[in-house]
């Protein structure tokens, strides 16, 4: 029976890590030990930043909605506007609201007016 070595498996594993480190600077791109550390760290950042990206976009959408609401009507804020939307049972996510605010200001202004009317009806 012939002897089985781990050479091909190790070579494939090393090749995979070196390929993932392509474009890195210095020994990080071609020395397995250093490249493995760099790739592991890069994967940690990638995992973390996939979640951070969602937070960042939500914050951007909220800022855009807030700016558009204040531009449409001086007295209305983002939080009051969102409360008005909940009063009229309008289920539009922040991404689409921000998109409407940027690309369809007339439609967004109508939504703001409806939310404002619902808020004034509630207080009266």
PDB file of N, CA and C in Angstrom:
ATOM      1  N   UNK A   1       0.842  -1.174   0.000  1.00  0.00           N
ATOM      2  CA  UNK A   1       0.000   0.000   0.000  1.00  0.00           C
ATOM      3  C   UNK A   1       0.889   1.239   0.000  1.00  0.00           C
ATOM      4  N   UNK A   2       0.517   2.208  -0.832  1.00  0.00           N
ATOM      5  CA  UNK A   2       1.353   3.405  -0.947  1.00  0.00           C
ATOM      6  C   UNK A   2       1.076   4.389   0.187  1.00  0.00           C
ATOM      7  N   UNK A   3       2.076   5.200   0.461  1.00  0.00           N
ATOM      8  CA  UNK A   3       1.994   6.172   1.549  1.00  0.00           C
ATOM      9  C   UNK A   3       1.276   7.434   1.049  1.00  0.00           C
ATOM     10  N   UNK A   4       0.390   7.961   1.867  1.00  0.00           N
ATOM     11  CA  UNK A   4      -0.343   9.180   1.511  1.00  0.00           C
ATOM     12  C   UNK A   4       0.273  10.350   2.266  1.00  0.00           C
ATOM     13  N   UNK A   5       0.653  11.398   1.512  1.00  0.00           N
ATOM     14  CA  UNK A   5       1.224  12.595   2.138  1.00  0.00           C
ATOM     15  C   UNK A   5       0.183  13.716   2.126  1.00  0.00           C
ATOM     16  N   UNK A   6       0.447  14.705   2.942  1.00  0.00           N
ATOM     17  CA  UNK A   6      -0.492  15.829   3.004  1.00  0.00           C
ATOM     18  C   UNK A   6      -0.057  16.981   2.107  1.00  0.00           C
ATOM     19  N   UNK A   7       0.926  16.726   1.227  1.00  0.00           N
ATOM     20  CA  UNK A   7       1.470  17.780   0.362  1.00  0.00           C
ATOM     21  C   UNK A   7       0.437  18.482  -0.507  1.00  0.00           C
ATOM     22  N   UNK A   8      -0.364  17.746  -1.280  1.00  0.00           N
ATOM     23  CA  UNK A   8      -1.336  18.416  -2.149  1.00  0.00           C
ATOM     24  C   UNK A   8      -2.385  19.224  -1.360  1.00  0.00           C
ATOM     25  N   UNK A   9      -2.807  18.700  -0.222  1.00  0.00           N
ATOM     26  CA  UNK A   9      -3.796  19.412   0.603  1.00  0.00           C
ATOM     27  C   UNK A   9      -3.209  20.708   1.143  1.00  0.00           C
ATOM     28  N   UNK A  10      -1.981  20.614   1.674  1.00  0.00           N
ATOM     29  CA  UNK A  10      -1.319  21.802   2.215  1.00  0.00           C
ATOM     30  C   UNK A  10      -1.072  22.825   1.111  1.00  0.00           C
ATOM     31  N   UNK A  11      -0.631  22.345  -0.048  1.00  0.00           N
ATOM     32  CA  UNK A  11      -0.377  23.261  -1.163  1.00  0.00           C
ATOM     33  C   UNK A  11      -1.660  23.977  -1.577  1.00  0.00           C
ATOM     34  N   UNK A  12      -2.761  23.236  -1.637  1.00  0.00           N
ATOM     35  CA  UNK A  12      -4.041  23.846  -2.024  1.00  0.00           C
ATOM     36  C   UNK A  12      -4.475  24.888  -0.996  1.00  0.00           C
ATOM     37  N   UNK A  13      -4.291  24.576   0.277  1.00  0.00           N
ATOM     38  CA  UNK A  13      -4.679  25.509   1.342  1.00  0.00           C
ATOM     39  C   UNK A  13      -3.836  26.778   1.272  1.00  0.00           C
ATOM     40  N   UNK A  14      -2.545  26.601   1.085  1.00  0.00           N
ATOM     41  CA  UNK A  14      -1.648  27.750   0.973  1.00  0.00           C
ATOM     42  C   UNK A  14      -2.013  28.590  -0.244  1.00  0.00           C
ATOM     43  N   UNK A  15      -2.296  27.913  -1.350  1.00  0.00           N
ATOM     44  CA  UNK A  15      -2.620  28.611  -2.593  1.00  0.00           C
ATOM     45  C   UNK A  15      -3.900  29.441  -2.425  1.00  0.00           C
ATOM     46  N   UNK A  16      -4.860  28.885  -1.687  1.00  0.00           N
ATOM     47  CA  UNK A  16      -6.117  29.592  -1.452  1.00  0.00           C
ATOM     48  C   UNK A  16      -5.884  30.878  -0.660  1.00  0.00           C
ATOM     49  N   UNK A  17      -5.045  30.799   0.364  1.00  0.00           N
ATOM     50  CA  UNK A  17      -4.760  31.978   1.199  1.00  0.00           C
ATOM     51  C   UNK A  17      -3.972  33.008   0.395  1.00  0.00           C
ATOM     52  N   UNK A  18      -2.972  32.566  -0.359  1.00  0.00           N
ATOM     53  CA  UNK A  18      -2.160  33.489  -1.161  1.00  0.00           C
ATOM     54  C   UNK A  18      -3.035  34.178  -2.207  1.00  0.00           C
ATOM     55  N   UNK A  19      -3.974  33.450  -2.781  1.00  0.00           N
ATOM     56  CA  UNK A  19      -4.877  34.044  -3.768  1.00  0.00           C
ATOM     57  C   UNK A  19      -5.758  35.108  -3.114  1.00  0.00           C
ATOM     58  N   UNK A  20      -6.223  34.846  -1.901  1.00  0.00           N
ATOM     59  CA  UNK A  20      -7.053  35.817  -1.188  1.00  0.00           C
ATOM     60  C   UNK A  20      -6.263  37.064  -0.814  1.00  0.00           C
ATOM     61  N   UNK A  21      -4.932  36.922  -0.675  1.00  0.00           N
ATOM     62  CA  UNK A  21      -4.079  38.051  -0.286  1.00  0.00           C
ATOM     63  C   UNK A  21      -3.545  38.810  -1.494  1.00  0.00           C
ATOM     64  N   UNK A  22      -4.028  38.491  -2.675  1.00  0.00           N
ATOM     65  CA  UNK A  22      -3.554  39.154  -3.881  1.00  0.00           C
ATOM     66  C   UNK A  22      -3.820  40.653  -3.791  1.00  0.00           C
ATOM     67  N   UNK A  23      -2.819  41.440  -4.111  1.00  0.00           N
ATOM     68  CA  UNK A  23      -2.959  42.888  -4.062  1.00  0.00           C
ATOM     69  C   UNK A  23      -2.478  43.498  -2.757  1.00  0.00           C
ATOM     70  N   UNK A  24      -2.147  42.690  -1.768  1.00  0.00           N
ATOM     71  CA  UNK A  24      -1.632  43.221  -0.509  1.00  0.00           C
ATOM     72  C   UNK A  24      -0.197  43.686  -0.707  1.00  0.00           C
ATOM     73  N   UNK A  25       0.304  44.466   0.237  1.00  0.00           N
ATOM     74  CA  UNK A  25       1.624  45.084   0.122  1.00  0.00           C
ATOM     75  C   UNK A  25       2.689  44.230   0.828  1.00  0.00           C
ATOM     76  N   UNK A  26       3.844  44.129   0.202  1.00  0.00           N
ATOM     77  CA  UNK A  26       4.991  43.469   0.823  1.00  0.00           C
ATOM     78  C   UNK A  26       4.816  41.966   0.961  1.00  0.00           C
ATOM     79  N   UNK A  27       5.327  41.418   2.072  1.00  0.00           N
ATOM     80  CA  UNK A  27       5.276  39.973   2.282  1.00  0.00           C
ATOM     81  C   UNK A  27       3.859  39.480   2.535  1.00  0.00           C
ATOM     82  N   UNK A  28       2.934  40.393   2.791  1.00  0.00           N
ATOM     83  CA  UNK A  28       1.552  39.985   3.059  1.00  0.00           C
ATOM     84  C   UNK A  28       0.932  39.294   1.853  1.00  0.00           C
ATOM     85  N   UNK A  29       1.488  39.508   0.659  1.00  0.00           N
ATOM     86  CA  UNK A  29       0.888  38.918  -0.529  1.00  0.00           C
ATOM     87  C   UNK A  29       1.500  37.588  -0.943  1.00  0.00           C
ATOM     88  N   UNK A  30       2.708  37.257  -0.442  1.00  0.00           N
ATOM     89  CA  UNK A  30       3.338  36.051  -0.975  1.00  0.00           C
ATOM     90  C   UNK A  30       3.944  35.118   0.068  1.00  0.00           C
ATOM     91  N   UNK A  31       3.941  35.498   1.334  1.00  0.00           N
ATOM     92  CA  UNK A  31       4.442  34.623   2.388  1.00  0.00           C
ATOM     93  C   UNK A  31       3.244  34.071   3.149  1.00  0.00           C
ATOM     94  N   UNK A  32       3.123  32.760   3.184  1.00  0.00           N
ATOM     95  CA  UNK A  32       1.907  32.151   3.711  1.00  0.00           C
ATOM     96  C   UNK A  32       1.587  32.609   5.126  1.00  0.00           C
ATOM     97  N   UNK A  33       2.567  32.564   6.020  1.00  0.00           N
ATOM     98  CA  UNK A  33       2.313  32.873   7.430  1.00  0.00           C
ATOM     99  C   UNK A  33       1.785  34.297   7.599  1.00  0.00           C
ATOM    100  N   UNK A  34       2.410  35.248   6.929  1.00  0.00           N
ATOM    101  CA  UNK A  34       2.004  36.644   7.035  1.00  0.00           C
ATOM    102  C   UNK A  34       0.683  36.863   6.290  1.00  0.00           C
ATOM    103  N   UNK A  35       0.540  36.226   5.130  1.00  0.00           N
ATOM    104  CA  UNK A  35      -0.682  36.377   4.337  1.00  0.00           C
ATOM    105  C   UNK A  35      -1.889  35.821   5.084  1.00  0.00           C
ATOM    106  N   UNK A  36      -1.695  34.717   5.803  1.00  0.00           N
ATOM    107  CA  UNK A  36      -2.800  34.125   6.554  1.00  0.00           C
ATOM    108  C   UNK A  36      -3.299  35.088   7.625  1.00  0.00           C
ATOM    109  N   UNK A  37      -2.371  35.744   8.327  1.00  0.00           N
ATOM    110  CA  UNK A  37      -2.767  36.729   9.340  1.00  0.00           C
ATOM    111  C   UNK A  37      -3.521  37.892   8.701  1.00  0.00           C
ATOM    112  N   UNK A  38      -3.023  38.361   7.562  1.00  0.00           N
ATOM    113  CA  UNK A  38      -3.646  39.502   6.890  1.00  0.00           C
ATOM    114  C   UNK A  38      -5.039  39.147   6.384  1.00  0.00           C
ATOM    115  N   UNK A  39      -5.181  37.946   5.816  1.00  0.00           N
ATOM    116  CA  UNK A  39      -6.476  37.521   5.283  1.00  0.00           C
ATOM    117  C   UNK A  39      -7.477  37.308   6.425  1.00  0.00           C
ATOM    118  N   UNK A  40      -7.024  36.719   7.530  1.00  0.00           N
ATOM    119  CA  UNK A  40      -7.910  36.528   8.682  1.00  0.00           C
ATOM    120  C   UNK A  40      -8.417  37.865   9.207  1.00  0.00           C
ATOM    121  N   UNK A  41      -7.518  38.835   9.324  1.00  0.00           N
ATOM    122  CA  UNK A  41      -7.913  40.159   9.804  1.00  0.00           C
ATOM    123  C   UNK A  41      -8.879  40.830   8.814  1.00  0.00           C
ATOM    124  N   UNK A  42      -8.598  40.676   7.519  1.00  0.00           N
ATOM    125  CA  UNK A  42      -9.474  41.260   6.497  1.00  0.00           C
ATOM    126  C   UNK A  42     -10.877  40.651   6.583  1.00  0.00           C
ATOM    127  N   UNK A  43     -10.950  39.342   6.846  1.00  0.00           N
ATOM    128  CA  UNK A  43     -12.256  38.697   6.973  1.00  0.00           C
ATOM    129  C   UNK A  43     -13.002  39.174   8.215  1.00  0.00           C
ATOM    130  N   UNK A  44     -12.265  39.462   9.290  1.00  0.00           N
ATOM    131  CA  UNK A  44     -12.904  40.006  10.488  1.00  0.00           C
ATOM    132  C   UNK A  44     -13.512  41.374  10.189  1.00  0.00           C
ATOM    133  N   UNK A  45     -12.753  42.222   9.496  1.00  0.00           N
ATOM    134  CA  UNK A  45     -13.259  43.548   9.132  1.00  0.00           C
ATOM    135  C   UNK A  45     -14.468  43.430   8.209  1.00  0.00           C
ATOM    136  N   UNK A  46     -14.394  42.506   7.249  1.00  0.00           N
ATOM    137  CA  UNK A  46     -15.484  42.356   6.290  1.00  0.00           C
ATOM    138  C   UNK A  46     -16.759  41.929   6.993  1.00  0.00           C
ATOM    139  N   UNK A  47     -16.643  40.999   7.940  1.00  0.00           N
ATOM    140  CA  UNK A  47     -17.812  40.532   8.676  1.00  0.00           C
ATOM    141  C   UNK A  47     -18.419  41.665   9.492  1.00  0.00           C
ATOM    142  N   UNK A  48     -17.573  42.407  10.200  1.00  0.00           N
ATOM    143  CA  UNK A  48     -18.057  43.520  11.019  1.00  0.00           C
ATOM    144  C   UNK A  48     -18.696  44.596  10.146  1.00  0.00           C
ATOM    145  N   UNK A  49     -18.041  44.922   9.037  1.00  0.00           N
ATOM    146  CA  UNK A  49     -18.486  46.055   8.242  1.00  0.00           C
ATOM    147  C   UNK A  49     -19.727  45.765   7.403  1.00  0.00           C
ATOM    148  N   UNK A  50     -20.057  44.494   7.209  1.00  0.00           N
ATOM    149  CA  UNK A  50     -21.339  44.204   6.562  1.00  0.00           C
ATOM    150  C   UNK A  50     -22.490  44.685   7.438  1.00  0.00           C
ATOM    151  N   UNK A  51     -22.334  44.570   8.749  1.00  0.00           N
ATOM    152  CA  UNK A  51     -23.366  45.061   9.672  1.00  0.00           C
ATOM    153  C   UNK A  51     -23.303  46.584   9.792  1.00  0.00           C
ATOM    154  N   UNK A  52     -22.088  47.128   9.817  1.00  0.00           N
ATOM    155  CA  UNK A  52     -21.925  48.582   9.946  1.00  0.00           C
ATOM    156  C   UNK A  52     -22.512  49.290   8.725  1.00  0.00           C
ATOM    157  N   UNK A  53     -22.367  48.687   7.550  1.00  0.00           N
ATOM    158  CA  UNK A  53     -22.905  49.293   6.330  1.00  0.00           C
ATOM    159  C   UNK A  53     -24.416  49.482   6.431  1.00  0.00           C
ATOM    160  N   UNK A  54     -25.099  48.517   7.025  1.00  0.00           N
ATOM    161  CA  UNK A  54     -26.554  48.633   7.195  1.00  0.00           C
ATOM    162  C   UNK A  54     -26.893  49.810   8.101  1.00  0.00           C
ATOM    163  N   UNK A  55     -26.112  49.979   9.179  1.00  0.00           N
ATOM    164  CA  UNK A  55     -26.331  51.118  10.084  1.00  0.00           C
ATOM    165  C   UNK A  55     -26.083  52.434   9.370  1.00  0.00           C
ATOM    166  N   UNK A  56     -24.995  52.486   8.603  1.00  0.00           N
ATOM    167  CA  UNK A  56     -24.625  53.725   7.925  1.00  0.00           C
ATOM    168  C   UNK A  56     -25.692  54.144   6.920  1.00  0.00           C
ATOM    169  N   UNK A  57     -26.209  53.187   6.168  1.00  0.00           N
ATOM    170  CA  UNK A  57     -27.229  53.527   5.184  1.00  0.00           C
ATOM    171  C   UNK A  57     -28.518  53.979   5.859  1.00  0.00           C
ATOM    172  N   UNK A  58     -28.895  53.328   6.941  1.00  0.00           N
ATOM    173  CA  UNK A  58     -30.102  53.750   7.653  1.00  0.00           C
ATOM    174  C   UNK A  58     -29.941  55.185   8.164  1.00  0.00           C
ATOM    175  N   UNK A  59     -28.768  55.508   8.705  1.00  0.00           N
ATOM    176  CA  UNK A  59     -28.511  56.872   9.183  1.00  0.00           C
ATOM    177  C   UNK A  59     -28.575  57.869   8.021  1.00  0.00           C
ATOM    178  N   UNK A  60     -28.041  57.507   6.869  1.00  0.00           N
ATOM    179  CA  UNK A  60     -28.085  58.379   5.700  1.00  0.00           C
ATOM    180  C   UNK A  60     -29.526  58.624   5.260  1.00  0.00           C
ATOM    181  N   UNK A  61     -30.337  57.547   5.217  1.00  0.00           N
ATOM    182  CA  UNK A  61     -31.736  57.704   4.808  1.00  0.00           C
ATOM    183  C   UNK A  61     -32.485  58.614   5.764  1.00  0.00           C
ATOM    184  N   UNK A  62     -32.231  58.459   7.066  1.00  0.00           N
ATOM    185  CA  UNK A  62     -32.906  59.287   8.063  1.00  0.00           C
ATOM    186  C   UNK A  62     -32.509  60.746   7.886  1.00  0.00           C
ATOM    187  N   UNK A  63     -31.236  61.018   7.621  1.00  0.00           N
ATOM    188  CA  UNK A  63     -30.795  62.399   7.408  1.00  0.00           C
ATOM    189  C   UNK A  63     -31.450  62.999   6.181  1.00  0.00           C
ATOM    190  N   UNK A  64     -31.559  62.223   5.112  1.00  0.00           N
ATOM    191  CA  UNK A  64     -32.185  62.730   3.887  1.00  0.00           C
ATOM    192  C   UNK A  64     -33.672  63.007   4.101  1.00  0.00           C
ATOM    193  N   UNK A  65     -34.348  62.097   4.804  1.00  0.00           N
ATOM    194  CA  UNK A  65     -35.777  62.303   5.073  1.00  0.00           C
ATOM    195  C   UNK A  65     -35.968  63.534   5.943  1.00  0.00           C
ATOM    196  N   UNK A  66     -35.167  63.675   6.975  1.00  0.00           N
ATOM    197  CA  UNK A  66     -35.263  64.811   7.881  1.00  0.00           C
ATOM    198  C   UNK A  66     -35.070  66.122   7.122  1.00  0.00           C
ATOM    199  N   UNK A  67     -34.054  66.179   6.266  1.00  0.00           N
ATOM    200  CA  UNK A  67     -33.793  67.403   5.497  1.00  0.00           C
ATOM    201  C   UNK A  67     -34.955  67.721   4.567  1.00  0.00           C
ATOM    202  N   UNK A  68     -35.507  66.692   3.927  1.00  0.00           N
ATOM    203  CA  UNK A  68     -36.607  66.919   2.991  1.00  0.00           C
ATOM    204  C   UNK A  68     -37.875  67.348   3.718  1.00  0.00           C
ATOM    205  N   UNK A  69     -38.138  66.761   4.886  1.00  0.00           N
ATOM    206  CA  UNK A  69     -39.334  67.129   5.656  1.00  0.00           C
ATOM    207  C   UNK A  69     -39.225  68.574   6.115  1.00  0.00           C
ATOM    208  N   UNK A  70     -38.070  68.958   6.603  1.00  0.00           N
ATOM    209  CA  UNK A  70     -37.888  70.338   7.072  1.00  0.00           C
ATOM    210  C   UNK A  70     -37.965  71.325   5.913  1.00  0.00           C
ATOM    211  N   UNK A  71     -37.540  70.889   4.727  1.00  0.00           N
ATOM    212  CA  UNK A  71     -37.611  71.752   3.554  1.00  0.00           C
ATOM    213  C   UNK A  71     -39.053  71.929   3.089  1.00  0.00           C
ATOM    214  N   UNK A  72     -39.852  70.860   3.180  1.00  0.00           N
ATOM    215  CA  UNK A  72     -41.258  70.935   2.766  1.00  0.00           C
ATOM    216  C   UNK A  72     -42.054  71.826   3.701  1.00  0.00           C
ATOM    217  N   UNK A  73     -41.807  71.687   4.980  1.00  0.00           N
ATOM    218  CA  UNK A  73     -42.604  72.407   5.965  1.00  0.00           C
ATOM    219  C   UNK A  73     -41.722  72.766   7.141  1.00  0.00           C
ATOM    220  N   UNK A  74     -41.665  74.020   7.506  1.00  0.00           N
ATOM    221  CA  UNK A  74     -40.756  74.483   8.537  1.00  0.00           C
ATOM    222  C   UNK A  74     -40.982  73.888   9.913  1.00  0.00           C
ATOM    223  N   UNK A  75     -42.236  73.581  10.267  1.00  0.00           N
ATOM    224  CA  UNK A  75     -42.524  73.157  11.629  1.00  0.00           C
ATOM    225  C   UNK A  75     -42.437  71.662  11.894  1.00  0.00           C
ATOM    226  N   UNK A  76     -42.235  70.875  10.867  1.00  0.00           N
ATOM    227  CA  UNK A  76     -42.275  69.420  11.029  1.00  0.00           C
ATOM    228  C   UNK A  76     -40.863  68.853  11.118  1.00  0.00           C
ATOM    229  N   UNK A  77     -40.675  67.900  12.031  1.00  0.00           N
ATOM    230  CA  UNK A  77     -39.379  67.228  12.168  1.00  0.00           C
ATOM    231  C   UNK A  77     -39.511  65.782  11.709  1.00  0.00           C
ATOM    232  N   UNK A  78     -38.378  65.104  11.655  1.00  0.00           N
ATOM    233  CA  UNK A  78     -38.363  63.708  11.214  1.00  0.00           C
ATOM    234  C   UNK A  78     -39.234  62.830  12.107  1.00  0.00           C
ATOM    235  N   UNK A  79     -39.066  62.974  13.431  1.00  0.00           N
ATOM    236  CA  UNK A  79     -39.787  62.081  14.339  1.00  0.00           C
ATOM    237  C   UNK A  79     -41.290  62.342  14.289  1.00  0.00           C
ATOM    238  N   UNK A  80     -41.694  63.597  14.186  1.00  0.00           N
ATOM    239  CA  UNK A  80     -43.131  63.918  14.079  1.00  0.00           C
ATOM    240  C   UNK A  80     -43.684  63.388  12.755  1.00  0.00           C
ATOM    241  N   UNK A  81     -42.884  63.503  11.693  1.00  0.00           N
ATOM    242  CA  UNK A  81     -43.299  62.992  10.391  1.00  0.00           C
ATOM    243  C   UNK A  81     -43.511  61.483  10.438  1.00  0.00           C
ATOM    244  N   UNK A  82     -42.575  60.757  11.045  1.00  0.00           N
ATOM    245  CA  UNK A  82     -42.716  59.302  11.139  1.00  0.00           C
ATOM    246  C   UNK A  82     -43.929  58.924  11.988  1.00  0.00           C
ATOM    247  N   UNK A  83     -44.195  59.702  13.031  1.00  0.00           N
ATOM    248  CA  UNK A  83     -45.387  59.458  13.850  1.00  0.00           C
ATOM    249  C   UNK A  83     -46.642  59.692  13.017  1.00  0.00           C
ATOM    250  N   UNK A  84     -46.640  60.741  12.199  1.00  0.00           N
ATOM    251  CA  UNK A  84     -47.772  61.009  11.313  1.00  0.00           C
ATOM    252  C   UNK A  84     -47.999  59.883  10.324  1.00  0.00           C
ATOM    253  N   UNK A  85     -46.916  59.304   9.807  1.00  0.00           N
ATOM    254  CA  UNK A  85     -47.054  58.167   8.885  1.00  0.00           C
ATOM    255  C   UNK A  85     -47.692  56.975   9.593  1.00  0.00           C
ATOM    256  N   UNK A  86     -47.317  56.755  10.846  1.00  0.00           N
ATOM    257  CA  UNK A  86     -47.907  55.628  11.573  1.00  0.00           C
ATOM    258  C   UNK A  86     -49.390  55.879  11.852  1.00  0.00           C
ATOM    259  N   UNK A  87     -49.770  57.146  12.041  1.00  0.00           N
ATOM    260  CA  UNK A  87     -51.183  57.460  12.281  1.00  0.00           C
ATOM    261  C   UNK A  87     -52.046  57.185  11.060  1.00  0.00           C
ATOM    262  N   UNK A  88     -51.502  57.411   9.857  1.00  0.00           N
ATOM    263  CA  UNK A  88     -52.295  57.139   8.645  1.00  0.00           C
ATOM    264  C   UNK A  88     -52.033  55.732   8.116  1.00  0.00           C
ATOM    265  N   UNK A  89     -51.325  54.929   8.900  1.00  0.00           N
ATOM    266  CA  UNK A  89     -51.049  53.516   8.565  1.00  0.00           C
ATOM    267  C   UNK A  89     -50.337  53.383   7.226  1.00  0.00           C
ATOM    268  N   UNK A  90     -49.380  54.259   6.978  1.00  0.00           N
ATOM    269  CA  UNK A  90     -48.593  54.177   5.754  1.00  0.00           C
ATOM    270  C   UNK A  90     -47.303  53.432   6.068  1.00  0.00           C
ATOM    271  N   UNK A  91     -47.134  52.286   5.445  1.00  0.00           N
ATOM    272  CA  UNK A  91     -45.971  51.431   5.692  1.00  0.00           C
ATOM    273  C   UNK A  91     -44.973  51.603   4.545  1.00  0.00           C
ATOM    274  N   UNK A  92     -44.123  52.635   4.648  1.00  0.00           N
ATOM    275  CA  UNK A  92     -43.066  52.855   3.661  1.00  0.00           C
ATOM    276  C   UNK A  92     -41.743  52.855   4.411  1.00  0.00           C
ATOM    277  N   UNK A  93     -40.793  52.060   3.929  1.00  0.00           N
ATOM    278  CA  UNK A  93     -39.521  52.006   4.648  1.00  0.00           C
ATOM    279  C   UNK A  93     -38.686  53.245   4.359  1.00  0.00           C
ATOM    280  N   UNK A  94     -37.676  53.453   5.187  1.00  0.00           N
ATOM    281  CA  UNK A  94     -36.873  54.669   5.116  1.00  0.00           C
ATOM    282  C   UNK A  94     -36.094  54.767   3.814  1.00  0.00           C
ATOM    283  N   UNK A  95     -35.687  53.635   3.276  1.00  0.00           N
ATOM    284  CA  UNK A  95     -34.941  53.644   2.017  1.00  0.00           C
ATOM    285  C   UNK A  95     -35.802  54.240   0.903  1.00  0.00           C
ATOM    286  N   UNK A  96     -37.047  53.788   0.804  1.00  0.00           N
ATOM    287  CA  UNK A  96     -37.932  54.284  -0.247  1.00  0.00           C
ATOM    288  C   UNK A  96     -38.357  55.724   0.011  1.00  0.00           C
ATOM    289  N   UNK A  97     -38.555  56.095   1.274  1.00  0.00           N
ATOM    290  CA  UNK A  97     -38.889  57.489   1.582  1.00  0.00           C
ATOM    291  C   UNK A  97     -37.747  58.416   1.166  1.00  0.00           C
ATOM    292  N   UNK A  98     -36.509  58.026   1.472  1.00  0.00           N
ATOM    293  CA  UNK A  98     -35.355  58.847   1.095  1.00  0.00           C
ATOM    294  C   UNK A  98     -35.240  58.938  -0.420  1.00  0.00           C
ATOM    295  N   UNK A  99     -35.519  57.841  -1.115  1.00  0.00           N
ATOM    296  CA  UNK A  99     -35.476  57.841  -2.571  1.00  0.00           C
ATOM    297  C   UNK A  99     -36.543  58.774  -3.138  1.00  0.00           C
ATOM    298  N   UNK A 100     -37.740  58.732  -2.561  1.00  0.00           N
ATOM    299  CA  UNK A 100     -38.803  59.646  -2.995  1.00  0.00           C
ATOM    300  C   UNK A 100     -38.406  61.095  -2.737  1.00  0.00           C
ATOM    301  N   UNK A 101     -37.816  61.356  -1.590  1.00  0.00           N
ATOM    302  CA  UNK A 101     -37.427  62.717  -1.243  1.00  0.00           C
ATOM    303  C   UNK A 101     -36.418  63.283  -2.238  1.00  0.00           C
ATOM    304  N   UNK A 102     -35.529  62.426  -2.739  1.00  0.00           N
ATOM    305  CA  UNK A 102     -34.496  62.892  -3.663  1.00  0.00           C
ATOM    306  C   UNK A 102     -35.022  62.970  -5.097  1.00  0.00           C
ATOM    307  N   UNK A 103     -35.722  61.930  -5.545  1.00  0.00           N
ATOM    308  CA  UNK A 103     -36.082  61.838  -6.963  1.00  0.00           C
ATOM    309  C   UNK A 103     -37.507  62.286  -7.291  1.00  0.00           C
ATOM    310  N   UNK A 104     -38.425  62.226  -6.345  1.00  0.00           N
ATOM    311  CA  UNK A 104     -39.816  62.609  -6.582  1.00  0.00           C
ATOM    312  C   UNK A 104     -40.288  63.565  -5.492  1.00  0.00           C
ATOM    313  N   UNK A 105     -39.799  64.810  -5.474  1.00  0.00           N
ATOM    314  CA  UNK A 105     -40.142  65.717  -4.377  1.00  0.00           C
ATOM    315  C   UNK A 105     -41.635  66.038  -4.295  1.00  0.00           C
ATOM    316  N   UNK A 106     -42.337  66.037  -5.420  1.00  0.00           N
ATOM    317  CA  UNK A 106     -43.775  66.344  -5.395  1.00  0.00           C
ATOM    318  C   UNK A 106     -44.552  65.246  -4.664  1.00  0.00           C
ATOM    319  N   UNK A 107     -44.202  64.001  -4.935  1.00  0.00           N
ATOM    320  CA  UNK A 107     -44.855  62.874  -4.266  1.00  0.00           C
ATOM    321  C   UNK A 107     -44.517  62.891  -2.776  1.00  0.00           C
ATOM    322  N   UNK A 108     -43.267  63.165  -2.463  1.00  0.00           N
ATOM    323  CA  UNK A 108     -42.857  63.214  -1.065  1.00  0.00           C
ATOM    324  C   UNK A 108     -43.594  64.330  -0.330  1.00  0.00           C
ATOM    325  N   UNK A 109     -43.770  65.472  -0.985  1.00  0.00           N
ATOM    326  CA  UNK A 109     -44.471  66.594  -0.363  1.00  0.00           C
ATOM    327  C   UNK A 109     -45.921  66.214  -0.056  1.00  0.00           C
ATOM    328  N   UNK A 110     -46.540  65.449  -0.927  1.00  0.00           N
ATOM    329  CA  UNK A 110     -47.923  64.992  -0.689  1.00  0.00           C
ATOM    330  C   UNK A 110     -47.971  64.060   0.528  1.00  0.00           C
ATOM    331  N   UNK A 111     -46.997  63.180   0.649  1.00  0.00           N
ATOM    332  CA  UNK A 111     -46.930  62.287   1.813  1.00  0.00           C
ATOM    333  C   UNK A 111     -46.761  63.108   3.090  1.00  0.00           C
ATOM    334  N   UNK A 112     -45.894  64.128   3.032  1.00  0.00           N
ATOM    335  CA  UNK A 112     -45.678  64.991   4.194  1.00  0.00           C
ATOM    336  C   UNK A 112     -46.978  65.700   4.578  1.00  0.00           C
ATOM    337  N   UNK A 113     -47.710  66.185   3.573  1.00  0.00           N
ATOM    338  CA  UNK A 113     -48.976  66.879   3.854  1.00  0.00           C
ATOM    339  C   UNK A 113     -49.992  65.950   4.511  1.00  0.00           C
ATOM    340  N   UNK A 114     -50.068  64.705   4.044  1.00  0.00           N
ATOM    341  CA  UNK A 114     -50.999  63.738   4.651  1.00  0.00           C
ATOM    342  C   UNK A 114     -50.613  63.427   6.095  1.00  0.00           C
ATOM    343  N   UNK A 115     -49.307  63.266   6.338  1.00  0.00           N
ATOM    344  CA  UNK A 115     -48.843  62.990   7.696  1.00  0.00           C
ATOM    345  C   UNK A 115     -49.132  64.189   8.608  1.00  0.00           C
ATOM    346  N   UNK A 116     -48.932  65.388   8.083  1.00  0.00           N
ATOM    347  CA  UNK A 116     -49.181  66.596   8.871  1.00  0.00           C
ATOM    348  C   UNK A 116     -50.663  66.737   9.188  1.00  0.00           C
ATOM    349  N   UNK A 117     -51.509  66.405   8.221  1.00  0.00           N
ATOM    350  CA  UNK A 117     -52.965  66.485   8.444  1.00  0.00           C
ATOM    351  C   UNK A 117     -53.376  65.496   9.527  1.00  0.00           C
ATOM    352  N   UNK A 118     -52.807  64.300   9.500  1.00  0.00           N
ATOM    353  CA  UNK A 118     -53.135  63.293  10.533  1.00  0.00           C
ATOM    354  C   UNK A 118     -52.679  63.762  11.906  1.00  0.00           C
ATOM    355  N   UNK A 119     -51.523  64.415  11.978  1.00  0.00           N
ATOM    356  CA  UNK A 119     -51.029  64.927  13.252  1.00  0.00           C
ATOM    357  C   UNK A 119     -51.938  66.046  13.787  1.00  0.00           C
ATOM    358  N   UNK A 120     -52.382  66.926  12.905  1.00  0.00           N
ATOM    359  CA  UNK A 120     -53.247  68.029  13.355  1.00  0.00           C
ATOM    360  C   UNK A 120     -54.618  67.499  13.769  1.00  0.00           C
ATOM    361  N   UNK A 121     -55.093  66.458  13.116  1.00  0.00           N
ATOM    362  CA  UNK A 121     -56.380  65.841  13.465  1.00  0.00           C
ATOM    363  C   UNK A 121     -56.289  65.202  14.855  1.00  0.00           C
ATOM    364  N   UNK A 122     -55.134  64.598  15.162  1.00  0.00           N
ATOM    365  CA  UNK A 122     -54.950  63.933  16.445  1.00  0.00           C
ATOM    366  C   UNK A 122     -54.934  64.936  17.590  1.00  0.00           C
ATOM    367  N   UNK A 123     -54.265  66.074  17.381  1.00  0.00           N
ATOM    368  CA  UNK A 123     -54.156  67.078  18.457  1.00  0.00           C
ATOM    369  C   UNK A 123     -55.457  67.861  18.628  1.00  0.00           C
ATOM    370  N   UNK A 124     -56.265  67.943  17.586  1.00  0.00           N
ATOM    371  CA  UNK A 124     -57.510  68.730  17.666  1.00  0.00           C
ATOM    372  C   UNK A 124     -58.623  67.968  18.355  1.00  0.00           C
TER     373      UNK A 124
END
